[in-house]
């Protein structure tokens, strides 16, 4: 397996963030084009409130290794997981779902933990195949209050994997420290890292330096067996000549074909 096989795109509908978060340009790049451009083999598809035709997107993804779809609302109504299981019948590379921005302040506290176990059971045991369940967790959401972290672990437990993201680029320097806490909170979960190629938290371009540092550091953790992949965010700025995307492509050209 090559290193790039461990990389995912965090995919959004093309144009989803045109003229938002400080971005004053118009992108046309689709999620599948983003995968090809960035040289990655997997994608999470996250509509972010837009009504999309899942089947059309799934058809575009047929050459990818793995595909996952966002399904946060299923945490409040587990029956909402059923359409994604149905999709998996027709598309053999659909292998997981993800609950984006899981904490959302304290909204998660209104979500019964029992619902997460129901989703897990249904995903693992259905008439198609086992599907996995992932969560998005930000570094700003843990490591501040040990009691809150301890309590939150009951929400983490049902998930197959957790993706650790850093929202503000200024907090990238905290990643090594945060990861040590993250490991303690995810003793039985698979782990991935999220890497922003646009600095949404500070509403401006990400720097190539910060992206390159993250990818180097994440590569070390993958090779050490402490994490299994990286999720690159996102296709919706990839064709706008932003420096962080160029840095990510240079990095992937150098390391993506390494055998692991």
Protein backbone atom coordinates (compact mmCIF):
# COMPACT_ATOMS: atom_id res chain seq x y z
CA UNK A 1 0.00 0.00 0.00
CA UNK A 2 1.17 3.52 -0.79
CA UNK A 3 1.03 6.43 1.61
CA UNK A 4 -1.47 8.27 -0.60
CA UNK A 5 -3.88 5.36 -0.07
CA UNK A 6 -4.14 6.56 3.53
CA UNK A 7 -5.23 10.06 2.47
CA UNK A 8 -8.80 11.29 2.14
CA UNK A 9 -10.47 14.40 0.78
CA UNK A 10 -13.06 16.19 2.89
CA UNK A 11 -15.39 16.78 -0.02
CA UNK A 12 -18.01 19.49 -0.38
CA UNK A 13 -20.35 20.36 -3.24
CA UNK A 14 -18.46 22.40 -5.81
CA UNK A 15 -18.73 26.12 -5.06
CA UNK A 16 -19.98 25.54 -1.50
CA UNK A 17 -17.60 28.13 -0.03
CA UNK A 18 -17.47 30.67 -2.83
CA UNK A 19 -17.28 34.14 -1.25
CA UNK A 20 -17.37 32.80 2.29
CA UNK A 21 -14.85 32.68 5.15
CA UNK A 22 -12.79 35.46 3.61
CA UNK A 23 -12.53 33.68 0.27
CA UNK A 24 -13.39 36.20 -2.45
CA UNK A 25 -12.93 33.85 -5.38
CA UNK A 26 -15.18 31.42 -7.22
CA UNK A 27 -14.23 27.75 -7.39
CA UNK A 28 -15.66 25.13 -9.75
CA UNK A 29 -13.72 22.07 -8.60
CA UNK A 30 -15.81 19.00 -7.76
CA UNK A 31 -14.92 16.58 -4.97
CA UNK A 32 -13.74 13.92 -7.44
CA UNK A 33 -11.61 16.48 -9.26
CA UNK A 34 -10.21 17.45 -5.88
CA UNK A 35 -9.19 13.85 -5.18
CA UNK A 36 -7.45 13.60 -8.53
CA UNK A 37 -5.75 16.99 -8.17
CA UNK A 38 -4.51 16.34 -4.63
CA UNK A 39 -3.55 12.74 -5.41
CA UNK A 40 -5.68 11.06 -2.75
CA UNK A 41 -7.62 7.80 -2.95
CA UNK A 42 -10.58 8.27 -0.60
CA UNK A 43 -13.21 10.84 0.25
CA UNK A 44 -15.71 11.82 2.89
CA UNK A 45 -18.61 13.62 1.20
CA UNK A 46 -20.11 16.37 3.34
CA UNK A 47 -22.97 18.41 1.78
CA UNK A 48 -22.92 21.05 4.58
CA UNK A 49 -26.60 21.84 4.34
CA UNK A 50 -26.92 21.66 0.56
CA UNK A 51 -29.39 19.28 -1.05
CA UNK A 52 -27.32 16.98 -3.26
CA UNK A 53 -27.97 13.95 -5.43
CA UNK A 54 -25.99 11.29 -3.60
CA UNK A 55 -26.23 8.82 -6.45
CA UNK A 56 -24.65 11.22 -8.92
CA UNK A 57 -21.75 11.90 -6.56
CA UNK A 58 -21.34 8.21 -5.80
CA UNK A 59 -21.11 7.46 -9.51
CA UNK A 60 -18.31 10.01 -9.82
CA UNK A 61 -16.47 8.32 -6.93
CA UNK A 62 -16.44 4.79 -8.36
CA UNK A 63 -12.66 4.70 -8.94
CA UNK A 64 -11.85 5.66 -5.33
CA UNK A 65 -10.83 3.11 -2.71
CA UNK A 66 -13.22 4.27 0.01
CA UNK A 67 -16.13 6.69 0.30
CA UNK A 68 -17.92 7.92 3.40
CA UNK A 69 -20.93 10.21 3.83
CA UNK A 70 -21.77 12.70 6.56
CA UNK A 71 -24.84 11.83 8.64
CA UNK A 72 -24.89 13.92 11.84
CA UNK A 73 -28.69 13.97 12.10
CA UNK A 74 -28.75 10.19 12.47
CA UNK A 75 -27.46 10.78 15.99
CA UNK A 76 -30.91 12.14 16.84
CA UNK A 77 -32.84 9.72 14.63
CA UNK A 78 -30.97 6.46 13.95
CA UNK A 79 -33.40 5.55 11.16
CA UNK A 80 -31.72 8.23 9.04
CA UNK A 81 -28.76 5.89 8.61
CA UNK A 82 -30.80 3.58 6.36
CA UNK A 83 -30.36 5.48 3.04
CA UNK A 84 -26.57 5.24 3.36
CA UNK A 85 -26.77 1.49 3.86
CA UNK A 86 -29.00 1.32 0.77
CA UNK A 87 -26.45 3.33 -1.21
CA UNK A 88 -23.77 0.85 -0.22
CA UNK A 89 -25.66 -1.89 -2.07
CA UNK A 90 -24.94 -0.19 -5.39
CA UNK A 91 -21.53 1.27 -4.62
CA UNK A 92 -19.01 -1.19 -3.25
CA UNK A 93 -16.51 1.45 -2.10
CA UNK A 94 -18.89 3.05 0.40
CA UNK A 95 -17.32 1.92 3.65
CA UNK A 96 -18.27 4.38 6.36
CA UNK A 97 -20.20 7.39 7.58
CA UNK A 98 -18.99 10.38 9.58
CA UNK A 99 -20.61 12.72 12.08
CA UNK A 100 -19.13 16.14 11.38
CA UNK A 101 -18.52 18.81 14.04
CA UNK A 102 -19.79 16.37 16.63
CA UNK A 103 -19.75 18.59 19.71
CA UNK A 104 -21.23 21.75 18.11
CA UNK A 105 -20.90 23.58 21.38
CA UNK A 106 -23.05 21.56 23.75
CA UNK A 107 -25.55 20.31 21.15
CA UNK A 108 -24.14 16.80 21.42
CA UNK A 109 -25.41 16.57 25.01
CA UNK A 110 -28.94 16.41 23.59
CA UNK A 111 -27.99 13.32 21.57
CA UNK A 112 -28.66 10.07 23.46
CA UNK A 113 -25.54 7.93 23.60
CA UNK A 114 -27.84 4.96 23.06
CA UNK A 115 -28.57 6.28 19.57
CA UNK A 116 -24.88 6.10 18.69
CA UNK A 117 -24.77 2.47 19.77
CA UNK A 118 -27.86 1.77 17.66
CA UNK A 119 -26.19 3.34 14.61
CA UNK A 120 -23.01 1.36 15.21
CA UNK A 121 -24.92 -1.90 15.52
CA UNK A 122 -26.88 -1.25 12.33
CA UNK A 123 -23.77 -0.22 10.39
CA UNK A 124 -21.84 -3.26 11.54
CA UNK A 125 -24.67 -5.75 11.05
CA UNK A 126 -26.81 -5.29 7.94
CA UNK A 127 -27.58 -7.10 4.69
CA UNK A 128 -24.84 -5.34 2.70
CA UNK A 129 -21.55 -5.32 4.62
CA UNK A 130 -19.99 -3.81 7.69
CA UNK A 131 -19.75 -0.02 7.55
CA UNK A 132 -17.72 2.06 10.01
CA UNK A 133 -18.65 5.19 11.94
CA UNK A 134 -16.30 8.17 12.35
CA UNK A 135 -16.46 11.36 14.41
CA UNK A 136 -14.91 14.80 13.88
CA UNK A 137 -13.33 16.26 17.02
CA UNK A 138 -11.44 19.55 17.21
CA UNK A 139 -8.37 20.19 19.32
CA UNK A 140 -10.11 23.26 20.80
CA UNK A 141 -12.80 20.93 22.17
CA UNK A 142 -10.65 18.81 24.48
CA UNK A 143 -7.67 19.16 26.76
CA UNK A 144 -9.15 22.11 28.64
CA UNK A 145 -11.33 20.43 31.28
CA UNK A 146 -10.35 16.90 32.41
CA UNK A 147 -13.83 16.22 33.79
CA UNK A 148 -15.48 17.17 30.50
CA UNK A 149 -12.97 15.02 28.59
CA UNK A 150 -13.68 12.06 30.84
CA UNK A 151 -17.42 12.44 30.42
CA UNK A 152 -17.11 12.87 26.66
CA UNK A 153 -15.38 9.53 26.30
CA UNK A 154 -18.80 7.82 26.57
CA UNK A 155 -19.68 9.52 23.29
CA UNK A 156 -16.38 8.49 21.75
CA UNK A 157 -16.73 4.82 22.69
CA UNK A 158 -19.36 3.82 20.09
CA UNK A 159 -17.31 5.19 17.19
CA UNK A 160 -14.93 3.07 15.16
CA UNK A 161 -12.68 6.05 14.56
CA UNK A 162 -12.09 9.69 15.51
CA UNK A 163 -10.61 12.39 13.26
CA UNK A 164 -8.62 15.07 15.09
CA UNK A 165 -8.83 18.52 13.49
CA UNK A 166 -7.32 21.93 14.34
CA UNK A 167 -9.64 24.80 13.40
CA UNK A 168 -7.29 27.80 13.77
CA UNK A 169 -3.89 27.68 12.10
CA UNK A 170 -2.43 29.51 15.08
CA UNK A 171 -3.14 26.35 17.11
CA UNK A 172 -1.10 24.05 14.87
CA UNK A 173 1.78 24.39 17.33
CA UNK A 174 -0.41 22.67 19.94
CA UNK A 175 -0.91 19.52 17.87
CA UNK A 176 1.80 17.37 19.53
CA UNK A 177 0.51 18.23 23.01
CA UNK A 178 -3.11 17.75 22.00
CA UNK A 179 -2.38 14.44 20.34
CA UNK A 180 -1.08 12.98 23.58
CA UNK A 181 -4.40 13.83 25.23
CA UNK A 182 -6.27 12.59 22.14
CA UNK A 183 -4.59 9.20 22.39
CA UNK A 184 -5.70 8.83 26.00
CA UNK A 185 -9.27 9.68 25.00
CA UNK A 186 -9.29 7.18 22.11
CA UNK A 187 -7.69 4.04 23.55
CA UNK A 188 -9.87 1.66 21.51
CA UNK A 189 -10.59 3.80 18.45
CA UNK A 190 -8.88 4.17 15.12
CA UNK A 191 -7.46 7.64 14.52
CA UNK A 192 -6.98 10.04 11.65
CA UNK A 193 -5.92 13.66 11.33
CA UNK A 194 -7.67 16.49 9.53
CA UNK A 195 -5.58 19.08 7.70
CA UNK A 196 -7.05 22.38 6.54
CA UNK A 197 -5.67 23.68 3.24
CA UNK A 198 -7.58 26.93 3.79
CA UNK A 199 -7.58 28.65 7.18
CA UNK A 200 -11.33 28.70 7.80
CA UNK A 201 -10.90 29.51 11.48
CA UNK A 202 -9.11 32.78 10.73
CA UNK A 203 -10.88 33.43 7.40
CA UNK A 204 -7.81 33.61 5.22
CA UNK A 205 -5.40 31.48 3.27
CA UNK A 206 -3.53 28.75 5.08
CA UNK A 207 0.24 28.95 4.85
CA UNK A 208 2.26 26.40 2.96
CA UNK A 209 4.62 26.21 5.91
CA UNK A 210 1.89 25.14 8.34
CA UNK A 211 0.47 22.58 5.92
CA UNK A 212 3.87 21.06 5.17
CA UNK A 213 4.69 20.82 8.88
CA UNK A 214 1.41 19.05 9.58
CA UNK A 215 1.82 16.57 6.76
CA UNK A 216 5.37 15.75 7.85
CA UNK A 217 4.22 15.23 11.43
CA UNK A 218 1.17 13.19 10.45
CA UNK A 219 3.30 11.00 8.19
CA UNK A 220 5.51 10.13 11.18
CA UNK A 221 2.47 9.11 13.23
CA UNK A 222 1.11 6.95 10.41
CA UNK A 223 4.44 5.21 10.00
CA UNK A 224 4.61 4.70 13.77
CA UNK A 225 1.17 3.07 13.75
CA UNK A 226 -0.40 5.75 15.96
CA UNK A 227 -2.84 6.90 13.28
CA UNK A 228 -4.07 5.50 10.00
CA UNK A 229 -4.64 8.47 7.72
CA UNK A 230 -5.05 12.15 6.92
CA UNK A 231 -8.11 14.02 5.64
CA UNK A 232 -7.38 17.06 3.44
CA UNK A 233 -9.90 19.89 3.55
CA UNK A 234 -11.22 20.59 0.86
CA UNK A 235 -11.89 20.69 -2.90
CA UNK A 236 -13.74 24.02 -2.75
CA UNK A 237 -10.61 26.21 -2.81
CA UNK A 238 -8.28 23.83 -4.64
CA UNK A 239 -8.39 25.63 -8.00
CA UNK A 240 -7.91 29.16 -6.66
CA UNK A 241 -4.09 29.35 -6.65
CA UNK A 242 -3.79 29.35 -2.87
CA UNK A 243 -0.30 28.53 -1.64
CA UNK A 244 -1.27 25.82 0.84
CA UNK A 245 -2.73 23.68 -1.93
CA UNK A 246 0.48 23.99 -3.93
CA UNK A 247 2.42 22.96 -0.83
CA UNK A 248 0.17 19.92 -0.30
CA UNK A 249 0.62 18.82 -3.91
CA UNK A 250 4.39 19.19 -3.70
CA UNK A 251 4.35 17.12 -0.51
CA UNK A 252 2.19 14.42 -2.07
CA UNK A 253 4.41 14.27 -5.14
CA UNK A 254 7.37 13.67 -2.83
CA UNK A 255 5.82 11.23 -0.36
CA UNK A 256 2.57 9.88 -1.80
CA UNK A 257 4.07 6.85 -3.52
CA UNK A 258 6.08 5.70 -0.52
CA UNK A 259 5.32 2.08 0.28
CA UNK A 260 4.03 1.58 3.82
